[in-house]
Amino acid sequence: MSALLPEDKPRPVAPVRPTRDDCCHGGCDPCVFDLYEDELERYEQALRAWESRRKPSTSEEVT
């Protein structure tokens, strides 16, 4: 089995937003919504990095 190259890695998967019922409304720190926001931020960073690896560099572009 061959290792995946960075440009071959699959697109990151967005986290699932918790429902109102997932929160106990007890003032937890961190709350499930705080954890979701942290995970969403990491996902967005990973997605930007993934997208930048997919774009051809200027030396690869054909004019």
PDB file of N, CA and C in Angstrom:
ATOM      1  N   MET A   1       0.856  -1.175   0.000  1.00  0.00           N
ATOM      2  CA  MET A   1       0.000   0.000   0.000  1.00  0.00           C
ATOM      3  C   MET A   1       0.900   1.235   0.000  1.00  0.00           C
ATOM      4  N   SER A   2       0.626   2.193  -0.858  1.00  0.00           N
ATOM      5  CA  SER A   2       1.449   3.393  -0.934  1.00  0.00           C
ATOM      6  C   SER A   2       0.881   4.481  -0.029  1.00  0.00           C
ATOM      7  N   ALA A   3       1.770   5.322   0.453  1.00  0.00           N
ATOM      8  CA  ALA A   3       1.354   6.436   1.314  1.00  0.00           C
ATOM      9  C   ALA A   3       0.740   7.537   0.462  1.00  0.00           C
ATOM     10  N   LEU A   4      -0.211   8.240   1.040  1.00  0.00           N
ATOM     11  CA  LEU A   4      -0.830   9.362   0.337  1.00  0.00           C
ATOM     12  C   LEU A   4       0.106  10.557   0.351  1.00  0.00           C
ATOM     13  N   LEU A   5       0.248  11.183  -0.786  1.00  0.00           N
ATOM     14  CA  LEU A   5       0.984  12.436  -0.858  1.00  0.00           C
ATOM     15  C   LEU A   5       0.063  13.536  -0.371  1.00  0.00           C
ATOM     16  N   PRO A   6       0.612  14.677   0.107  1.00  0.00           N
ATOM     17  CA  PRO A   6      -0.259  15.756   0.600  1.00  0.00           C
ATOM     18  C   PRO A   6      -1.347  16.145  -0.391  1.00  0.00           C
ATOM     19  N   GLU A   7      -1.010  16.188  -1.687  1.00  0.00           N
ATOM     20  CA  GLU A   7      -2.017  16.591  -2.666  1.00  0.00           C
ATOM     21  C   GLU A   7      -3.056  15.502  -2.918  1.00  0.00           C
ATOM     22  N   ASP A   8      -2.787  14.266  -2.444  1.00  0.00           N
ATOM     23  CA  ASP A   8      -3.726  13.164  -2.623  1.00  0.00           C
ATOM     24  C   ASP A   8      -4.660  12.982  -1.434  1.00  0.00           C
ATOM     25  N   LYS A   9      -4.394  13.678  -0.355  1.00  0.00           N
ATOM     26  CA  LYS A   9      -5.206  13.498   0.848  1.00  0.00           C
ATOM     27  C   LYS A   9      -6.641  13.915   0.567  1.00  0.00           C
ATOM     28  N   PRO A  10      -7.598  13.195   1.149  1.00  0.00           N
ATOM     29  CA  PRO A  10      -9.003  13.558   0.918  1.00  0.00           C
ATOM     30  C   PRO A  10      -9.350  14.904   1.542  1.00  0.00           C
ATOM     31  N   ARG A  11     -10.392  15.527   0.996  1.00  0.00           N
ATOM     32  CA  ARG A  11     -10.870  16.812   1.501  1.00  0.00           C
ATOM     33  C   ARG A  11     -11.277  16.654   2.967  1.00  0.00           C
ATOM     34  N   PRO A  12     -10.901  17.594   3.825  1.00  0.00           N
ATOM     35  CA  PRO A  12     -11.319  17.521   5.228  1.00  0.00           C
ATOM     36  C   PRO A  12     -12.846  17.507   5.342  1.00  0.00           C
ATOM     37  N   VAL A  13     -13.330  16.859   6.370  1.00  0.00           N
ATOM     38  CA  VAL A  13     -14.771  16.744   6.595  1.00  0.00           C
ATOM     39  C   VAL A  13     -15.182  17.739   7.680  1.00  0.00           C
ATOM     40  N   ALA A  14     -16.231  18.494   7.395  1.00  0.00           N
ATOM     41  CA  ALA A  14     -16.722  19.492   8.349  1.00  0.00           C
ATOM     42  C   ALA A  14     -17.292  18.810   9.590  1.00  0.00           C
ATOM     43  N   PRO A  15     -17.103  19.432  10.751  1.00  0.00           N
ATOM     44  CA  PRO A  15     -17.684  18.866  11.967  1.00  0.00           C
ATOM     45  C   PRO A  15     -19.204  19.023  11.957  1.00  0.00           C
ATOM     46  N   VAL A  16     -19.853  18.163  12.700  1.00  0.00           N
ATOM     47  CA  VAL A  16     -21.315  18.209  12.805  1.00  0.00           C
ATOM     48  C   VAL A  16     -21.685  19.159  13.935  1.00  0.00           C
ATOM     49  N   ARG A  17     -22.539  20.132  13.617  1.00  0.00           N
ATOM     50  CA  ARG A  17     -22.969  21.105  14.632  1.00  0.00           C
ATOM     51  C   ARG A  17     -23.860  20.403  15.656  1.00  0.00           C
ATOM     52  N   PRO A  18     -23.589  20.616  16.939  1.00  0.00           N
ATOM     53  CA  PRO A  18     -24.442  20.009  17.962  1.00  0.00           C
ATOM     54  C   PRO A  18     -25.847  20.619  17.926  1.00  0.00           C
ATOM     55  N   THR A  19     -26.807  19.841  18.348  1.00  0.00           N
ATOM     56  CA  THR A  19     -28.180  20.342  18.439  1.00  0.00           C
ATOM     57  C   THR A  19     -28.376  20.979  19.809  1.00  0.00           C
ATOM     58  N   ARG A  20     -29.472  21.692  19.962  1.00  0.00           N
ATOM     59  CA  ARG A  20     -29.769  22.297  21.274  1.00  0.00           C
ATOM     60  C   ARG A  20     -29.877  21.221  22.348  1.00  0.00           C
ATOM     61  N   ASP A  21     -30.340  20.040  21.963  1.00  0.00           N
ATOM     62  CA  ASP A  21     -30.484  18.950  22.926  1.00  0.00           C
ATOM     63  C   ASP A  21     -29.139  18.367  23.357  1.00  0.00           C
ATOM     64  N   ASP A  22     -28.077  18.628  22.579  1.00  0.00           N
ATOM     65  CA  ASP A  22     -26.751  18.133  22.947  1.00  0.00           C
ATOM     66  C   ASP A  22     -26.170  18.916  24.122  1.00  0.00           C
ATOM     67  N   CYS A  23     -26.679  20.107  24.359  1.00  0.00           N
ATOM     68  CA  CYS A  23     -26.215  20.955  25.455  1.00  0.00           C
ATOM     69  C   CYS A  23     -27.070  20.682  26.692  1.00  0.00           C
ATOM     70  N   CYS A  24     -26.411  20.571  27.845  1.00  0.00           N
ATOM     71  CA  CYS A  24     -27.150  20.307  29.087  1.00  0.00           C
ATOM     72  C   CYS A  24     -27.648  21.594  29.732  1.00  0.00           C
ATOM     73  N   HIS A  25     -27.220  22.748  29.209  1.00  0.00           N
ATOM     74  CA  HIS A  25     -27.604  24.065  29.737  1.00  0.00           C
ATOM     75  C   HIS A  25     -27.174  24.238  31.195  1.00  0.00           C
ATOM     76  N   GLY A  26     -26.067  23.560  31.551  1.00  0.00           N
ATOM     77  CA  GLY A  26     -25.563  23.630  32.918  1.00  0.00           C
ATOM     78  C   GLY A  26     -24.369  24.556  33.086  1.00  0.00           C
ATOM     79  N   GLY A  27     -24.019  25.293  32.036  1.00  0.00           N
ATOM     80  CA  GLY A  27     -22.892  26.216  32.134  1.00  0.00           C
ATOM     81  C   GLY A  27     -21.531  25.533  32.077  1.00  0.00           C
ATOM     82  N   CYS A  28     -21.460  24.401  31.423  1.00  0.00           N
ATOM     83  CA  CYS A  28     -20.192  23.664  31.315  1.00  0.00           C
ATOM     84  C   CYS A  28     -19.117  24.509  30.633  1.00  0.00           C
ATOM     85  N   ASP A  29     -17.883  24.316  31.078  1.00  0.00           N
ATOM     86  CA  ASP A  29     -16.748  24.987  30.457  1.00  0.00           C
ATOM     87  C   ASP A  29     -15.683  23.934  30.189  1.00  0.00           C
ATOM     88  N   PRO A  30     -15.549  23.494  28.957  1.00  0.00           N
ATOM     89  CA  PRO A  30     -16.186  24.043  27.754  1.00  0.00           C
ATOM     90  C   PRO A  30     -17.535  23.391  27.488  1.00  0.00           C
ATOM     91  N   CYS A  31     -18.389  24.141  26.853  1.00  0.00           N
ATOM     92  CA  CYS A  31     -19.699  23.662  26.416  1.00  0.00           C
ATOM     93  C   CYS A  31     -19.517  22.913  25.096  1.00  0.00           C
ATOM     94  N   VAL A  32     -20.455  22.052  24.745  1.00  0.00           N
ATOM     95  CA  VAL A  32     -20.368  21.340  23.467  1.00  0.00           C
ATOM     96  C   VAL A  32     -20.313  22.324  22.301  1.00  0.00           C
ATOM     97  N   PHE A  33     -20.921  23.490  22.446  1.00  0.00           N
ATOM     98  CA  PHE A  33     -20.880  24.489  21.376  1.00  0.00           C
ATOM     99  C   PHE A  33     -19.493  25.137  21.283  1.00  0.00           C
ATOM    100  N   ASP A  34     -18.811  25.294  22.431  1.00  0.00           N
ATOM    101  CA  ASP A  34     -17.432  25.790  22.420  1.00  0.00           C
ATOM    102  C   ASP A  34     -16.522  24.782  21.717  1.00  0.00           C
ATOM    103  N   LEU A  35     -16.708  23.512  22.032  1.00  0.00           N
ATOM    104  CA  LEU A  35     -15.905  22.463  21.403  1.00  0.00           C
ATOM    105  C   LEU A  35     -16.154  22.430  19.898  1.00  0.00           C
ATOM    106  N   TYR A  36     -17.407  22.610  19.506  1.00  0.00           N
ATOM    107  CA  TYR A  36     -17.744  22.642  18.080  1.00  0.00           C
ATOM    108  C   TYR A  36     -17.044  23.813  17.392  1.00  0.00           C
ATOM    109  N   GLU A  37     -17.076  24.989  18.006  1.00  0.00           N
ATOM    110  CA  GLU A  37     -16.435  26.166  17.403  1.00  0.00           C
ATOM    111  C   GLU A  37     -14.932  25.938  17.241  1.00  0.00           C
ATOM    112  N   ASP A  38     -14.296  25.309  18.234  1.00  0.00           N
ATOM    113  CA  ASP A  38     -12.870  24.995  18.129  1.00  0.00           C
ATOM    114  C   ASP A  38     -12.617  24.021  16.982  1.00  0.00           C
ATOM    115  N   GLU A  39     -13.454  23.001  16.889  1.00  0.00           N
ATOM    116  CA  GLU A  39     -13.310  22.005  15.829  1.00  0.00           C
ATOM    117  C   GLU A  39     -13.572  22.630  14.457  1.00  0.00           C
ATOM    118  N   LEU A  40     -14.547  23.538  14.387  1.00  0.00           N
ATOM    119  CA  LEU A  40     -14.864  24.218  13.132  1.00  0.00           C
ATOM    120  C   LEU A  40     -13.682  25.071  12.675  1.00  0.00           C
ATOM    121  N   GLU A  41     -13.032  25.745  13.607  1.00  0.00           N
ATOM    122  CA  GLU A  41     -11.863  26.561  13.266  1.00  0.00           C
ATOM    123  C   GLU A  41     -10.734  25.687  12.714  1.00  0.00           C
ATOM    124  N   ARG A  42     -10.484  24.544  13.372  1.00  0.00           N
ATOM    125  CA  ARG A  42      -9.448  23.624  12.881  1.00  0.00           C
ATOM    126  C   ARG A  42      -9.813  23.087  11.502  1.00  0.00           C
ATOM    127  N   TYR A  43     -11.092  22.783  11.291  1.00  0.00           N
ATOM    128  CA  TYR A  43     -11.550  22.307   9.984  1.00  0.00           C
ATOM    129  C   TYR A  43     -11.318  23.364   8.910  1.00  0.00           C
ATOM    130  N   GLU A  44     -11.679  24.615   9.195  1.00  0.00           N
ATOM    131  CA  GLU A  44     -11.521  25.686   8.203  1.00  0.00           C
ATOM    132  C   GLU A  44     -10.053  25.888   7.845  1.00  0.00           C
ATOM    133  N   GLN A  45      -9.166  25.786   8.834  1.00  0.00           N
ATOM    134  CA  GLN A  45      -7.729  25.896   8.560  1.00  0.00           C
ATOM    135  C   GLN A  45      -7.262  24.728   7.697  1.00  0.00           C
ATOM    136  N   ALA A  46      -7.704  23.529   8.036  1.00  0.00           N
ATOM    137  CA  ALA A  46      -7.317  22.348   7.262  1.00  0.00           C
ATOM    138  C   ALA A  46      -7.858  22.429   5.841  1.00  0.00           C
ATOM    139  N   LEU A  47      -9.073  22.953   5.686  1.00  0.00           N
ATOM    140  CA  LEU A  47      -9.665  23.084   4.358  1.00  0.00           C
ATOM    141  C   LEU A  47      -8.883  24.090   3.517  1.00  0.00           C
ATOM    142  N   ARG A  48      -8.515  25.218   4.111  1.00  0.00           N
ATOM    143  CA  ARG A  48      -7.720  26.213   3.369  1.00  0.00           C
ATOM    144  C   ARG A  48      -6.386  25.614   2.935  1.00  0.00           C
ATOM    145  N   ALA A  49      -5.739  24.869   3.827  1.00  0.00           N
ATOM    146  CA  ALA A  49      -4.460  24.236   3.486  1.00  0.00           C
ATOM    147  C   ALA A  49      -4.661  23.209   2.377  1.00  0.00           C
ATOM    148  N   TRP A  50      -5.722  22.419   2.469  1.00  0.00           N
ATOM    149  CA  TRP A  50      -6.020  21.415   1.446  1.00  0.00           C
ATOM    150  C   TRP A  50      -6.266  22.088   0.100  1.00  0.00           C
ATOM    151  N   GLU A  51      -7.056  23.174   0.107  1.00  0.00           N
ATOM    152  CA  GLU A  51      -7.358  23.881  -1.141  1.00  0.00           C
ATOM    153  C   GLU A  51      -6.098  24.497  -1.743  1.00  0.00           C
ATOM    154  N   SER A  52      -5.205  25.014  -0.900  1.00  0.00           N
ATOM    155  CA  SER A  52      -3.983  25.634  -1.431  1.00  0.00           C
ATOM    156  C   SER A  52      -3.078  24.592  -2.078  1.00  0.00           C
ATOM    157  N   ARG A  53      -3.101  23.356  -1.586  1.00  0.00           N
ATOM    158  CA  ARG A  53      -2.311  22.290  -2.204  1.00  0.00           C
ATOM    159  C   ARG A  53      -2.909  21.854  -3.536  1.00  0.00           C
ATOM    160  N   ARG A  54      -4.196  22.093  -3.732  1.00  0.00           N
ATOM    161  CA  ARG A  54      -4.874  21.689  -4.963  1.00  0.00           C
ATOM    162  C   ARG A  54      -4.671  22.695  -6.091  1.00  0.00           C
ATOM    163  N   LYS A  55      -4.355  23.946  -5.751  1.00  0.00           N
ATOM    164  CA  LYS A  55      -4.182  24.983  -6.766  1.00  0.00           C
ATOM    165  C   LYS A  55      -2.848  24.783  -7.471  1.00  0.00           C
ATOM    166  N   PRO A  56      -2.834  24.911  -8.790  1.00  0.00           N
ATOM    167  CA  PRO A  56      -1.549  24.790  -9.493  1.00  0.00           C
ATOM    168  C   PRO A  56      -0.659  25.987  -9.177  1.00  0.00           C
ATOM    169  N   SER A  57       0.619  25.724  -9.061  1.00  0.00           N
ATOM    170  CA  SER A  57       1.549  26.835  -8.837  1.00  0.00           C
ATOM    171  C   SER A  57       1.701  27.602 -10.140  1.00  0.00           C
ATOM    172  N   THR A  58       2.238  28.798 -10.063  1.00  0.00           N
ATOM    173  CA  THR A  58       2.373  29.626 -11.266  1.00  0.00           C
ATOM    174  C   THR A  58       3.284  28.964 -12.285  1.00  0.00           C
ATOM    175  N   SER A  59       4.237  28.155 -11.851  1.00  0.00           N
ATOM    176  CA  SER A  59       5.127  27.476 -12.791  1.00  0.00           C
ATOM    177  C   SER A  59       4.423  26.330 -13.508  1.00  0.00           C
ATOM    178  N   GLU A  60       3.323  25.828 -12.937  1.00  0.00           N
ATOM    179  CA  GLU A  60       2.583  24.727 -13.543  1.00  0.00           C
ATOM    180  C   GLU A  60       1.473  25.203 -14.459  1.00  0.00           C
ATOM    181  N   GLU A  61       1.104  26.479 -14.372  1.00  0.00           N
ATOM    182  CA  GLU A  61      -0.005  26.986 -15.175  1.00  0.00           C
ATOM    183  C   GLU A  61       0.398  27.076 -16.638  1.00  0.00           C
ATOM    184  N   VAL A  62      -0.526  26.728 -17.494  1.00  0.00           N
ATOM    185  CA  VAL A  62      -0.294  26.804 -18.930  1.00  0.00           C
ATOM    186  C   VAL A  62      -0.949  28.075 -19.439  1.00  0.00           C
ATOM    187  N   THR A  63      -0.198  28.886 -20.193  1.00  0.00           N
ATOM    188  CA  THR A  63      -0.767  30.133 -20.714  1.00  0.00           C
ATOM    189  C   THR A  63      -1.051  30.024 -22.182  1.00  0.00           C
TER     190      THR A  63
END
